[in-house]
């Protein structure tokens, strides 16, 4: 292989690598905050996470894993009602008693 062919091959590899990185950027893995919600209110309640409802019968516990900043509300006829809390890193792995928010 002559010198010009080696230079061309090396240049082509650099261009392909840069092109690959431009179309396949390295993304940072998203980590969710996980919180356990315990319905200790004595009655059925429904939560709302901004995109849908989460029914909870009395005495049940549900673990929700959501991106930081997600807000959880009590649901009022399928719509967002009173704000319960906002997911943040300090709450990761914690248990929340819903009776503390009613």
N, C-alpha and C. Protein backbone atom coordinates (compact mmCIF):
# COMPACT_ATOMS: atom_id res chain seq x y z
N UNK A 1 0.85 -1.17 0.00
CA UNK A 1 0.00 0.00 0.00
C UNK A 1 0.90 1.24 0.00
N UNK A 2 0.67 2.11 -0.90
CA UNK A 2 1.52 3.29 -0.95
C UNK A 2 1.07 4.32 0.09
N UNK A 3 1.85 5.31 0.25
CA UNK A 3 1.62 6.32 1.29
C UNK A 3 0.31 7.07 1.08
N UNK A 4 -0.03 7.41 -0.15
CA UNK A 4 -1.26 8.13 -0.45
C UNK A 4 -2.48 7.28 -0.09
N UNK A 5 -2.45 6.00 -0.34
CA UNK A 5 -3.55 5.10 0.02
C UNK A 5 -3.73 5.01 1.53
N UNK A 6 -2.63 4.98 2.28
CA UNK A 6 -2.71 4.94 3.74
C UNK A 6 -3.32 6.22 4.29
N UNK A 7 -2.93 7.35 3.75
CA UNK A 7 -3.48 8.64 4.20
C UNK A 7 -4.97 8.70 3.89
N UNK A 8 -5.35 8.28 2.68
CA UNK A 8 -6.76 8.28 2.29
C UNK A 8 -7.57 7.36 3.20
N UNK A 9 -7.06 6.18 3.51
CA UNK A 9 -7.76 5.24 4.38
C UNK A 9 -7.92 5.81 5.79
N UNK A 10 -6.88 6.40 6.34
CA UNK A 10 -6.94 6.99 7.68
C UNK A 10 -7.95 8.14 7.70
N UNK A 11 -7.91 8.98 6.68
CA UNK A 11 -8.84 10.11 6.58
C UNK A 11 -10.28 9.61 6.49
N UNK A 12 -10.51 8.57 5.72
CA UNK A 12 -11.85 8.00 5.57
C UNK A 12 -12.37 7.45 6.90
N UNK A 13 -11.51 6.80 7.64
CA UNK A 13 -11.92 6.27 8.95
C UNK A 13 -12.30 7.39 9.91
N UNK A 14 -11.54 8.48 9.90
CA UNK A 14 -11.85 9.63 10.77
C UNK A 14 -13.20 10.22 10.37
N UNK A 15 -13.43 10.41 9.10
CA UNK A 15 -14.69 10.99 8.62
C UNK A 15 -15.87 10.09 8.98
N UNK A 16 -15.72 8.77 8.82
CA UNK A 16 -16.81 7.85 9.16
C UNK A 16 -17.09 7.87 10.65
N UNK A 17 -16.06 7.94 11.47
CA UNK A 17 -16.24 7.98 12.93
C UNK A 17 -16.96 9.24 13.35
N UNK A 18 -16.54 10.37 12.82
CA UNK A 18 -17.19 11.65 13.15
C UNK A 18 -18.63 11.63 12.67
N UNK A 19 -18.87 11.12 11.47
CA UNK A 19 -20.23 11.02 10.96
C UNK A 19 -21.10 10.12 11.80
N UNK A 20 -20.57 9.00 12.24
CA UNK A 20 -21.32 8.09 13.09
C UNK A 20 -21.70 8.76 14.40
N UNK A 21 -20.77 9.47 15.01
CA UNK A 21 -21.04 10.14 16.28
C UNK A 21 -22.07 11.24 16.12
N UNK A 22 -22.11 11.89 14.96
CA UNK A 22 -23.08 12.96 14.74
C UNK A 22 -24.50 12.40 14.66
N UNK A 23 -24.66 11.21 14.11
CA UNK A 23 -25.99 10.62 13.96
C UNK A 23 -26.38 9.71 15.11
N UNK A 24 -25.44 9.34 15.95
CA UNK A 24 -25.71 8.50 17.11
C UNK A 24 -25.07 9.13 18.34
N UNK A 25 -25.63 10.24 18.80
CA UNK A 25 -25.01 10.91 19.94
C UNK A 25 -25.11 10.05 21.21
N UNK A 26 -24.14 10.20 22.05
CA UNK A 26 -24.13 9.49 23.32
C UNK A 26 -25.14 10.19 24.22
N UNK A 27 -26.12 9.44 24.69
CA UNK A 27 -27.14 10.03 25.56
C UNK A 27 -26.89 9.59 27.00
N UNK A 28 -27.19 10.48 27.89
CA UNK A 28 -27.04 10.17 29.30
C UNK A 28 -28.25 9.36 29.74
N UNK A 29 -28.00 8.30 30.47
CA UNK A 29 -29.09 7.45 30.94
C UNK A 29 -29.96 8.21 31.93
N UNK A 30 -31.27 8.16 31.68
CA UNK A 30 -32.20 8.85 32.57
C UNK A 30 -32.49 7.95 33.77
N UNK A 31 -32.41 8.52 34.93
CA UNK A 31 -32.72 7.75 36.13
C UNK A 31 -34.00 8.32 36.73
N UNK A 32 -34.90 7.44 37.06
CA UNK A 32 -36.16 7.85 37.66
C UNK A 32 -36.05 7.85 39.18
N UNK A 33 -36.92 8.63 39.79
CA UNK A 33 -37.07 8.66 41.24
C UNK A 33 -38.21 7.72 41.57
N UNK A 34 -37.99 6.80 42.51
CA UNK A 34 -39.02 5.83 42.88
C UNK A 34 -39.53 6.11 44.29
N UNK A 35 -40.85 6.21 44.41
CA UNK A 35 -41.50 6.50 45.69
C UNK A 35 -42.63 5.50 45.88
N UNK A 36 -42.77 4.96 47.10
CA UNK A 36 -43.89 4.08 47.42
C UNK A 36 -44.99 4.90 48.07
N UNK A 37 -46.19 4.81 47.50
CA UNK A 37 -47.34 5.51 48.05
C UNK A 37 -48.23 4.50 48.76
N UNK A 38 -48.51 4.76 50.04
CA UNK A 38 -49.37 3.87 50.81
C UNK A 38 -50.71 4.57 51.04
N UNK A 39 -51.78 3.89 50.64
CA UNK A 39 -53.11 4.44 50.88
C UNK A 39 -53.58 4.00 52.26
N UNK A 40 -53.29 4.81 53.23
CA UNK A 40 -53.71 4.53 54.60
C UNK A 40 -54.86 5.44 55.01
N UNK A 41 -55.63 5.91 54.03
CA UNK A 41 -56.72 6.85 54.29
C UNK A 41 -57.99 6.17 54.76
N UNK A 42 -58.09 4.86 54.56
CA UNK A 42 -59.31 4.14 54.95
C UNK A 42 -60.35 4.08 53.84
N UNK A 43 -60.07 4.71 52.71
CA UNK A 43 -60.99 4.65 51.57
C UNK A 43 -60.18 4.59 50.28
N UNK A 44 -60.85 4.31 49.19
CA UNK A 44 -60.17 4.29 47.90
C UNK A 44 -59.87 5.70 47.44
N UNK A 45 -58.70 5.88 46.85
CA UNK A 45 -58.32 7.17 46.29
C UNK A 45 -57.75 6.94 44.90
N UNK A 46 -57.72 7.99 44.12
CA UNK A 46 -57.12 7.93 42.80
C UNK A 46 -56.09 9.05 42.69
N UNK A 47 -54.91 8.69 42.23
CA UNK A 47 -53.84 9.66 42.03
C UNK A 47 -53.78 10.04 40.55
N UNK A 48 -53.17 11.16 40.26
CA UNK A 48 -52.98 11.62 38.88
C UNK A 48 -51.53 12.05 38.73
N UNK A 49 -50.85 11.54 37.68
CA UNK A 49 -49.43 11.87 37.49
C UNK A 49 -49.20 12.85 36.34
N UNK A 50 -50.26 13.50 35.89
CA UNK A 50 -50.14 14.46 34.80
C UNK A 50 -50.45 13.87 33.46
N UNK A 51 -50.40 12.53 33.36
CA UNK A 51 -50.73 11.90 32.08
C UNK A 51 -51.81 10.84 32.22
N UNK A 52 -52.14 10.47 33.43
CA UNK A 52 -53.17 9.47 33.64
C UNK A 52 -53.45 9.26 35.12
N UNK A 53 -54.44 8.42 35.40
CA UNK A 53 -54.84 8.19 36.78
C UNK A 53 -54.32 6.86 37.29
N UNK A 54 -54.18 6.79 38.62
CA UNK A 54 -53.67 5.61 39.29
C UNK A 54 -54.62 5.30 40.45
N UNK A 55 -55.55 4.35 40.27
CA UNK A 55 -56.48 4.02 41.35
C UNK A 55 -55.79 3.22 42.45
N UNK A 56 -56.16 3.51 43.69
CA UNK A 56 -55.60 2.78 44.84
C UNK A 56 -56.72 2.49 45.82
N UNK A 57 -56.98 1.21 46.06
CA UNK A 57 -57.97 0.85 47.07
C UNK A 57 -57.35 1.00 48.46
N UNK A 58 -58.19 1.00 49.47
CA UNK A 58 -57.71 1.20 50.84
C UNK A 58 -56.70 0.15 51.27
N UNK A 59 -55.62 0.58 51.90
CA UNK A 59 -54.60 -0.31 52.43
C UNK A 59 -53.54 -0.75 51.44
N UNK A 60 -53.65 -0.33 50.19
CA UNK A 60 -52.66 -0.76 49.19
C UNK A 60 -51.45 0.18 49.15
N UNK A 61 -50.36 -0.36 48.64
CA UNK A 61 -49.14 0.42 48.43
C UNK A 61 -48.73 0.24 46.97
N UNK A 62 -48.40 1.35 46.33
CA UNK A 62 -47.92 1.30 44.94
C UNK A 62 -46.62 2.05 44.83
N UNK A 63 -45.68 1.44 44.15
CA UNK A 63 -44.38 2.07 43.91
C UNK A 63 -44.43 2.72 42.53
N UNK A 64 -44.19 4.02 42.50
CA UNK A 64 -44.17 4.76 41.25
C UNK A 64 -42.75 5.25 40.98
N UNK A 65 -42.27 5.04 39.78
CA UNK A 65 -40.96 5.52 39.35
C UNK A 65 -41.18 6.51 38.21
N UNK A 66 -40.84 7.76 38.46
CA UNK A 66 -41.09 8.84 37.51
C UNK A 66 -39.85 9.71 37.40
N UNK A 67 -39.72 10.45 36.31
CA UNK A 67 -38.60 11.39 36.17
C UNK A 67 -38.69 12.50 37.24
N UNK A 68 -37.55 12.99 37.64
CA UNK A 68 -37.52 14.10 38.60
C UNK A 68 -38.32 15.26 38.03
N UNK A 69 -39.12 15.89 38.89
CA UNK A 69 -39.95 17.02 38.46
C UNK A 69 -41.39 16.64 38.21
N UNK A 70 -41.69 15.33 38.10
CA UNK A 70 -43.07 14.88 37.90
C UNK A 70 -43.88 15.21 39.15
N UNK A 71 -45.07 15.72 38.95
CA UNK A 71 -45.95 16.06 40.07
C UNK A 71 -47.06 15.04 40.19
N UNK A 72 -47.36 14.66 41.43
CA UNK A 72 -48.44 13.72 41.72
C UNK A 72 -49.55 14.47 42.44
N UNK A 73 -50.77 14.26 41.96
CA UNK A 73 -51.95 14.93 42.50
C UNK A 73 -52.96 13.89 42.94
N UNK A 74 -53.89 14.29 43.82
CA UNK A 74 -55.09 13.51 44.01
C UNK A 74 -55.93 13.76 42.76
N UNK A 75 -56.61 12.73 42.28
CA UNK A 75 -57.47 12.90 41.11
C UNK A 75 -58.87 13.28 41.57
N UNK A 76 -59.44 14.22 40.85
CA UNK A 76 -60.80 14.66 41.13
C UNK A 76 -61.61 14.42 39.86
N UNK A 77 -62.39 13.31 39.84
CA UNK A 77 -63.17 12.91 38.67
C UNK A 77 -62.31 12.80 37.41
N UNK A 78 -61.13 12.19 37.56
CA UNK A 78 -60.26 11.95 36.43
C UNK A 78 -59.34 13.11 36.06
N UNK A 79 -59.47 14.22 36.76
CA UNK A 79 -58.62 15.39 36.50
C UNK A 79 -57.72 15.66 37.70
N UNK A 80 -56.69 16.44 37.46
CA UNK A 80 -55.77 16.80 38.55
C UNK A 80 -56.51 17.57 39.63
N UNK A 81 -56.31 17.12 40.84
CA UNK A 81 -56.88 17.82 41.99
C UNK A 81 -55.76 18.46 42.81
N UNK A 82 -55.80 18.24 44.11
CA UNK A 82 -54.81 18.82 45.03
C UNK A 82 -53.44 18.18 44.83
N UNK A 83 -52.40 19.01 44.78
CA UNK A 83 -51.02 18.53 44.64
C UNK A 83 -50.59 17.77 45.89
N UNK A 84 -50.01 16.60 45.68
CA UNK A 84 -49.47 15.82 46.80
C UNK A 84 -47.99 16.14 46.94
N UNK A 85 -47.22 15.92 45.88
CA UNK A 85 -45.79 16.21 45.93
C UNK A 85 -45.19 16.23 44.54
N UNK A 86 -43.94 16.66 44.47
CA UNK A 86 -43.16 16.66 43.24
C UNK A 86 -41.98 15.72 43.43
N UNK A 87 -41.75 14.85 42.48
CA UNK A 87 -40.65 13.89 42.56
C UNK A 87 -39.31 14.63 42.53
N UNK A 88 -38.46 14.36 43.50
CA UNK A 88 -37.07 14.84 43.47
C UNK A 88 -36.17 13.80 44.12
N UNK A 89 -34.89 13.94 43.90
CA UNK A 89 -33.92 12.93 44.35
C UNK A 89 -33.98 12.65 45.84
N UNK A 90 -34.35 13.65 46.65
CA UNK A 90 -34.37 13.45 48.10
C UNK A 90 -35.47 12.46 48.52
N UNK A 91 -36.44 12.21 47.65
CA UNK A 91 -37.54 11.30 47.98
C UNK A 91 -37.32 9.89 47.44
N UNK A 92 -36.25 9.67 46.71
CA UNK A 92 -35.99 8.36 46.09
C UNK A 92 -35.92 7.26 47.15
N UNK A 93 -36.75 6.24 46.97
CA UNK A 93 -36.77 5.10 47.90
C UNK A 93 -37.62 5.32 49.14
N UNK A 94 -38.25 6.46 49.27
CA UNK A 94 -39.06 6.77 50.46
C UNK A 94 -40.47 6.21 50.33
N UNK A 95 -41.16 6.10 51.47
CA UNK A 95 -42.56 5.71 51.53
C UNK A 95 -43.38 6.93 51.94
N UNK A 96 -44.46 7.17 51.23
CA UNK A 96 -45.33 8.31 51.51
C UNK A 96 -46.69 7.78 51.94
N UNK A 97 -47.15 8.21 53.12
CA UNK A 97 -48.49 7.87 53.58
C UNK A 97 -49.45 8.94 53.06
N UNK A 98 -50.45 8.53 52.30
CA UNK A 98 -51.37 9.48 51.71
C UNK A 98 -52.21 10.22 52.75
N UNK A 99 -52.39 9.63 53.92
CA UNK A 99 -53.16 10.30 54.97
C UNK A 99 -52.47 11.59 55.43
N UNK A 100 -51.16 11.70 55.22
CA UNK A 100 -50.44 12.92 55.59
C UNK A 100 -50.78 14.09 54.68
N UNK A 101 -51.44 13.81 53.56
CA UNK A 101 -51.73 14.85 52.56
C UNK A 101 -53.21 15.12 52.41
N UNK A 102 -54.06 14.51 53.23
CA UNK A 102 -55.49 14.77 53.12
C UNK A 102 -55.95 15.68 54.22
